C-alpha atoms as a PDB file:
ATOM      1  CA  MET A   1      14.326  -7.585  -1.374  1.00  0.00           C
ATOM      2  CA  LYS A   2      12.760  -5.417   1.318  1.00  0.00           C
ATOM      3  CA  VAL A   3       9.900  -6.473   3.606  1.00  0.00           C
ATOM      4  CA  ASN A   4       7.914  -3.867   5.561  1.00  0.00           C
ATOM      5  CA  VAL A   5       4.584  -3.530   7.349  1.00  0.00           C
ATOM      6  CA  TYR A   6       1.738  -1.565   5.752  1.00  0.00           C
ATOM      7  CA  LEU A   7      -0.952  -0.339   8.168  1.00  0.00           C
ATOM      8  CA  LEU A   8      -4.539   0.481   7.199  1.00  0.00           C
ATOM      9  CA  PHE A   9      -6.599   3.025   9.143  1.00  0.00           C
ATOM     10  CA  ASP A  10     -10.249   4.049   9.204  1.00  0.00           C
ATOM     11  CA  GLY A  11      -9.766   7.793   8.707  1.00  0.00           C
ATOM     12  CA  ASN A  12      -7.114   8.503  11.355  1.00  0.00           C
ATOM     13  CA  CYS A  13      -3.943   7.564   9.462  1.00  0.00           C
ATOM     14  CA  GLU A  14      -2.539  11.098   9.605  1.00  0.00           C
ATOM     15  CA  GLU A  15      -3.052  11.294  13.372  1.00  0.00           C
ATOM     16  CA  ALA A  16      -1.442   7.874  13.893  1.00  0.00           C
ATOM     17  CA  PHE A  17       1.547   8.609  11.667  1.00  0.00           C
ATOM     18  CA  ASN A  18       2.170  11.983  13.313  1.00  0.00           C
ATOM     19  CA  PHE A  19       2.255  10.056  16.598  1.00  0.00           C
ATOM     20  CA  TYR A  20       4.741   7.496  15.138  1.00  0.00           C
ATOM     21  CA  LYS A  21       6.789  10.294  13.579  1.00  0.00           C
ATOM     22  CA  ALA A  22       7.214  11.935  16.987  1.00  0.00           C
ATOM     23  CA  ALA A  23       7.962   8.607  18.692  1.00  0.00           C
ATOM     24  CA  PHE A  24      10.656   7.595  16.204  1.00  0.00           C
ATOM     25  CA  GLY A  25      12.000  11.141  15.745  1.00  0.00           C
ATOM     26  CA  LYS A  26      11.953  10.740  11.953  1.00  0.00           C
ATOM     27  CA  GLU A  27      10.442  12.631   9.008  1.00  0.00           C
ATOM     28  CA  PHE A  28       7.986  11.348   6.399  1.00  0.00           C
ATOM     29  CA  GLU A  29       9.597  10.149   3.208  1.00  0.00           C
ATOM     30  CA  MET A  30       6.313  10.512   1.343  1.00  0.00           C
ATOM     31  CA  ILE A  31       2.747  11.548   2.144  1.00  0.00           C
ATOM     32  CA  ASN A  32      -0.037  11.622  -0.454  1.00  0.00           C
ATOM     33  CA  ARG A  33      -3.771  12.226  -0.180  1.00  0.00           C
ATOM     34  CA  PHE A  34      -6.569  10.556  -2.117  1.00  0.00           C
ATOM     35  CA  LYS A  35      -7.336  13.847  -3.915  1.00  0.00           C
ATOM     36  CA  GLU A  36      -3.989  13.407  -5.732  1.00  0.00           C
ATOM     37  CA  MET A  37      -5.055  10.100  -7.288  1.00  0.00           C
ATOM     38  CA  PRO A  38      -6.127  10.274 -10.935  1.00  0.00           C
ATOM     39  CA  PRO A  39      -9.258   8.377 -12.056  1.00  0.00           C
ATOM     40  CA  VAL A  40      -8.361   4.732 -12.717  1.00  0.00           C
ATOM     41  CA  ASN A  41      -9.911   2.556 -15.461  1.00  0.00           C
ATOM     42  CA  GLY A  42     -12.826   4.940 -15.965  1.00  0.00           C
ATOM     43  CA  GLN A  43     -13.713   4.887 -12.253  1.00  0.00           C
ATOM     44  CA  PRO A  44     -14.960   8.218 -10.861  1.00  0.00           C
ATOM     45  CA  ALA A  45     -12.654  10.316  -8.723  1.00  0.00           C
ATOM     46  CA  MET A  46     -12.513   9.665  -4.980  1.00  0.00           C
ATOM     47  CA  PRO A  47     -15.589  10.958  -3.082  1.00  0.00           C
ATOM     48  CA  ALA A  48     -15.127  14.452  -1.596  1.00  0.00           C
ATOM     49  CA  GLU A  49     -15.316  13.136   1.990  1.00  0.00           C
ATOM     50  CA  ASP A  50     -12.223  11.000   1.309  1.00  0.00           C
ATOM     51  CA  ALA A  51     -10.169  13.642  -0.573  1.00  0.00           C
ATOM     52  CA  GLU A  52      -8.042  14.704   2.411  1.00  0.00           C
ATOM     53  CA  LYS A  53      -7.542  11.179   3.755  1.00  0.00           C
ATOM     54  CA  ILE A  54      -4.116   9.622   3.421  1.00  0.00           C
ATOM     55  CA  MET A  55      -3.642   7.521   0.274  1.00  0.00           C
ATOM     56  CA  HIS A  56      -0.051   6.627   1.194  1.00  0.00           C
ATOM     57  CA  VAL A  57       2.480   7.633   3.822  1.00  0.00           C
ATOM     58  CA  SER A  58       5.940   6.230   4.447  1.00  0.00           C
ATOM     59  CA  LEU A  59       8.058   6.822   7.525  1.00  0.00           C
ATOM     60  CA  PRO A  60      11.637   5.504   7.419  1.00  0.00           C
ATOM     61  CA  ILE A  61      12.414   3.909  10.771  1.00  0.00           C
ATOM     62  CA  ASP A  62      15.983   2.654  10.519  1.00  0.00           C
ATOM     63  CA  GLY A  63      18.156   1.403   7.679  1.00  0.00           C
ATOM     64  CA  ASP A  64      15.830  -0.282   5.191  1.00  0.00           C
ATOM     65  CA  SER A  65      12.851  -0.459   7.592  1.00  0.00           C
ATOM     66  CA  VAL A  66       9.905   1.701   6.577  1.00  0.00           C
ATOM     67  CA  LEU A  67       6.526   1.950   8.292  1.00  0.00           C
ATOM     68  CA  MET A  68       3.859   2.592   5.653  1.00  0.00           C
ATOM     69  CA  GLY A  69       0.129   3.213   5.810  1.00  0.00           C
ATOM     70  CA  SER A  70      -3.062   4.628   4.380  1.00  0.00           C
ATOM     71  CA  ASP A  71      -6.669   5.338   5.230  1.00  0.00           C
ATOM     72  CA  SER A  72      -9.358   3.021   3.976  1.00  0.00           C
ATOM     73  CA  GLY A  73     -11.371   5.193   1.645  1.00  0.00           C
ATOM     74  CA  ALA A  74     -14.594   4.807  -0.314  1.00  0.00           C
ATOM     75  CA  ASP A  75     -15.275   1.157  -1.170  1.00  0.00           C
ATOM     76  CA  MET A  76     -12.345  -0.033   0.975  1.00  0.00           C
ATOM     77  CA  SER A  77     -13.957   1.223   4.207  1.00  0.00           C
ATOM     78  CA  GLU A  78     -16.394  -1.672   4.371  1.00  0.00           C
ATOM     79  CA  HIS A  79     -13.433  -4.095   4.582  1.00  0.00           C
ATOM     80  CA  TYR A  80     -11.689  -2.279   7.445  1.00  0.00           C
ATOM     81  CA  LYS A  81     -11.424  -4.300  10.633  1.00  0.00           C
ATOM     82  CA  ALA A  82      -9.206  -3.299  13.555  1.00  0.00           C
ATOM     83  CA  GLY A  83      -6.739  -6.093  14.217  1.00  0.00           C
ATOM     84  CA  ASN A  84      -6.618  -7.160  10.565  1.00  0.00           C
ATOM     85  CA  ASN A  85      -5.624  -3.758   9.262  1.00  0.00           C
ATOM     86  CA  PHE A  86      -2.132  -4.496   7.999  1.00  0.00           C
ATOM     87  CA  SER A  87      -0.352  -5.996   4.998  1.00  0.00           C
ATOM     88  CA  VAL A  88       3.079  -7.448   4.438  1.00  0.00           C
ATOM     89  CA  SER A  89       4.714  -5.230   1.807  1.00  0.00           C
ATOM     90  CA  ILE A  90       7.525  -6.619  -0.343  1.00  0.00           C
ATOM     91  CA  SER A  91       9.640  -4.532  -2.721  1.00  0.00           C
ATOM     92  CA  THR A  92      11.618  -6.606  -5.209  1.00  0.00           C
ATOM     93  CA  GLU A  93      14.522  -5.662  -7.437  1.00  0.00           C
ATOM     94  CA  THR A  94      12.879  -6.973 -10.630  1.00  0.00           C
ATOM     95  CA  ARG A  95       9.434  -7.255 -12.177  1.00  0.00           C
ATOM     96  CA  SER A  96      10.004 -10.964 -12.794  1.00  0.00           C
ATOM     97  CA  GLU A  97      10.686 -11.568  -9.086  1.00  0.00           C
ATOM     98  CA  ALA A  98       7.557  -9.580  -8.217  1.00  0.00           C
ATOM     99  CA  ASP A  99       5.532 -11.722 -10.641  1.00  0.00           C
ATOM    100  CA  ARG A 100       7.027 -14.946  -9.238  1.00  0.00           C
ATOM    101  CA  LEU A 101       6.246 -14.046  -5.624  1.00  0.00           C
ATOM    102  CA  PHE A 102       2.793 -12.753  -6.505  1.00  0.00           C
ATOM    103  CA  ALA A 103       1.894 -16.012  -8.298  1.00  0.00           C
ATOM    104  CA  ALA A 104       3.354 -18.247  -5.603  1.00  0.00           C
ATOM    105  CA  ILE A 105       1.913 -16.551  -2.514  1.00  0.00           C
ATOM    106  CA  SER A 106      -1.487 -15.661  -4.029  1.00  0.00           C
ATOM    107  CA  ASP A 107      -2.102 -19.282  -5.085  1.00  0.00           C
ATOM    108  CA  ASP A 108      -5.552 -20.249  -3.735  1.00  0.00           C
ATOM    109  CA  GLY A 109      -5.929 -16.729  -2.323  1.00  0.00           C
ATOM    110  CA  GLU A 110      -8.016 -13.717  -3.358  1.00  0.00           C
ATOM    111  CA  ILE A 111      -6.445 -11.183  -5.715  1.00  0.00           C
ATOM    112  CA  THR A 112      -7.409  -7.593  -4.918  1.00  0.00           C
ATOM    113  CA  MET A 113      -5.295  -5.940  -7.610  1.00  0.00           C
ATOM    114  CA  ALA A 114      -3.418  -7.857 -10.300  1.00  0.00           C
ATOM    115  CA  MET A 115       0.185  -6.865 -10.982  1.00  0.00           C
ATOM    116  CA  GLU A 116       0.161  -3.723 -13.122  1.00  0.00           C
ATOM    117  CA  ASP A 117       2.031  -0.505 -13.773  1.00  0.00           C
ATOM    118  CA  THR A 118       0.690   2.234 -11.493  1.00  0.00           C
ATOM    119  CA  PHE A 119       0.475   6.002 -11.710  1.00  0.00           C
ATOM    120  CA  TRP A 120       3.041   6.291  -8.900  1.00  0.00           C
ATOM    121  CA  GLY A 121       5.681   4.538 -11.028  1.00  0.00           C
ATOM    122  CA  GLU A 122       5.664   1.090  -9.475  1.00  0.00           C
ATOM    123  CA  TYR A 123       4.759  -2.322 -10.853  1.00  0.00           C
ATOM    124  CA  PHE A 124       2.388  -3.390  -8.094  1.00  0.00           C
ATOM    125  CA  GLY A 125      -0.293  -5.840  -6.980  1.00  0.00           C
ATOM    126  CA  MET A 126      -2.259  -6.837  -3.851  1.00  0.00           C
ATOM    127  CA  PHE A 127      -3.924  -9.990  -2.590  1.00  0.00           C
ATOM    128  CA  THR A 128      -4.982 -11.942   0.479  1.00  0.00           C
ATOM    129  CA  ASP A 129      -3.357 -15.348   0.727  1.00  0.00           C
ATOM    130  CA  LYS A 130      -5.196 -18.579   1.525  1.00  0.00           C
ATOM    131  CA  PHE A 131      -4.402 -18.049   5.221  1.00  0.00           C
ATOM    132  CA  GLY A 132      -6.065 -14.601   5.338  1.00  0.00           C
ATOM    133  CA  ILE A 133      -2.847 -12.535   5.321  1.00  0.00           C
ATOM    134  CA  SER A 134      -2.850  -9.403   3.131  1.00  0.00           C
ATOM    135  CA  TRP A 135       0.152  -8.822   0.863  1.00  0.00           C
ATOM    136  CA  MET A 136       1.420  -5.972  -1.334  1.00  0.00           C
ATOM    137  CA  ILE A 137       4.132  -6.760  -3.870  1.00  0.00           C
ATOM    138  CA  GLY A 138       5.911  -4.204  -6.000  1.00  0.00           C
ATOM    139  CA  SER A 139       8.961  -3.412  -8.058  1.00  0.00           C
ATOM    140  CA  ARG A 140      10.336  -0.086  -9.240  1.00  0.00           C
ATOM    141  CA  GLU A 141      12.042  -1.744 -12.230  1.00  0.00           C
ATOM    142  CA  GLN A 142      10.718  -0.051 -15.362  1.00  0.00           C
ATOM    143  CA  PRO A 143       9.421  -2.142 -18.279  1.00  0.00           C
ATOM    144  CA  ALA A 144      11.828  -2.857 -21.113  1.00  0.00           C
ATOM    145  CA  SER A 145      11.388  -0.416 -24.016  1.00  0.00           C
END
């Protein structure tokens, strides 16, 4: 199991991560923009003003440590608050472990996104626990055929 920090920005994620990239002397493992996201569940595409914002960026720091982040776009912007703009991100080996952790830690919390298969190939969900901490849980294990 891997645990990393996921940072949320209000439109300046790219600037911040270029700063971190220079400080750590590392290269991005992945960088995607909101314009690359397909429509989800019949929702309209991301508004044009958010198209170039960062949907996801990952910067390997050392060993298994990865600093990850994104911009808050569209309907997420209203929830942005400096100081609370991070999540604990857990990557599990199996879908069943992801489901177990999701159920246990989200108990009495607020689910933002139920566990589901995503367009980026991960089984993934998000929630805020009963103590106000944001969590992201995922697994790259593919469903059984």
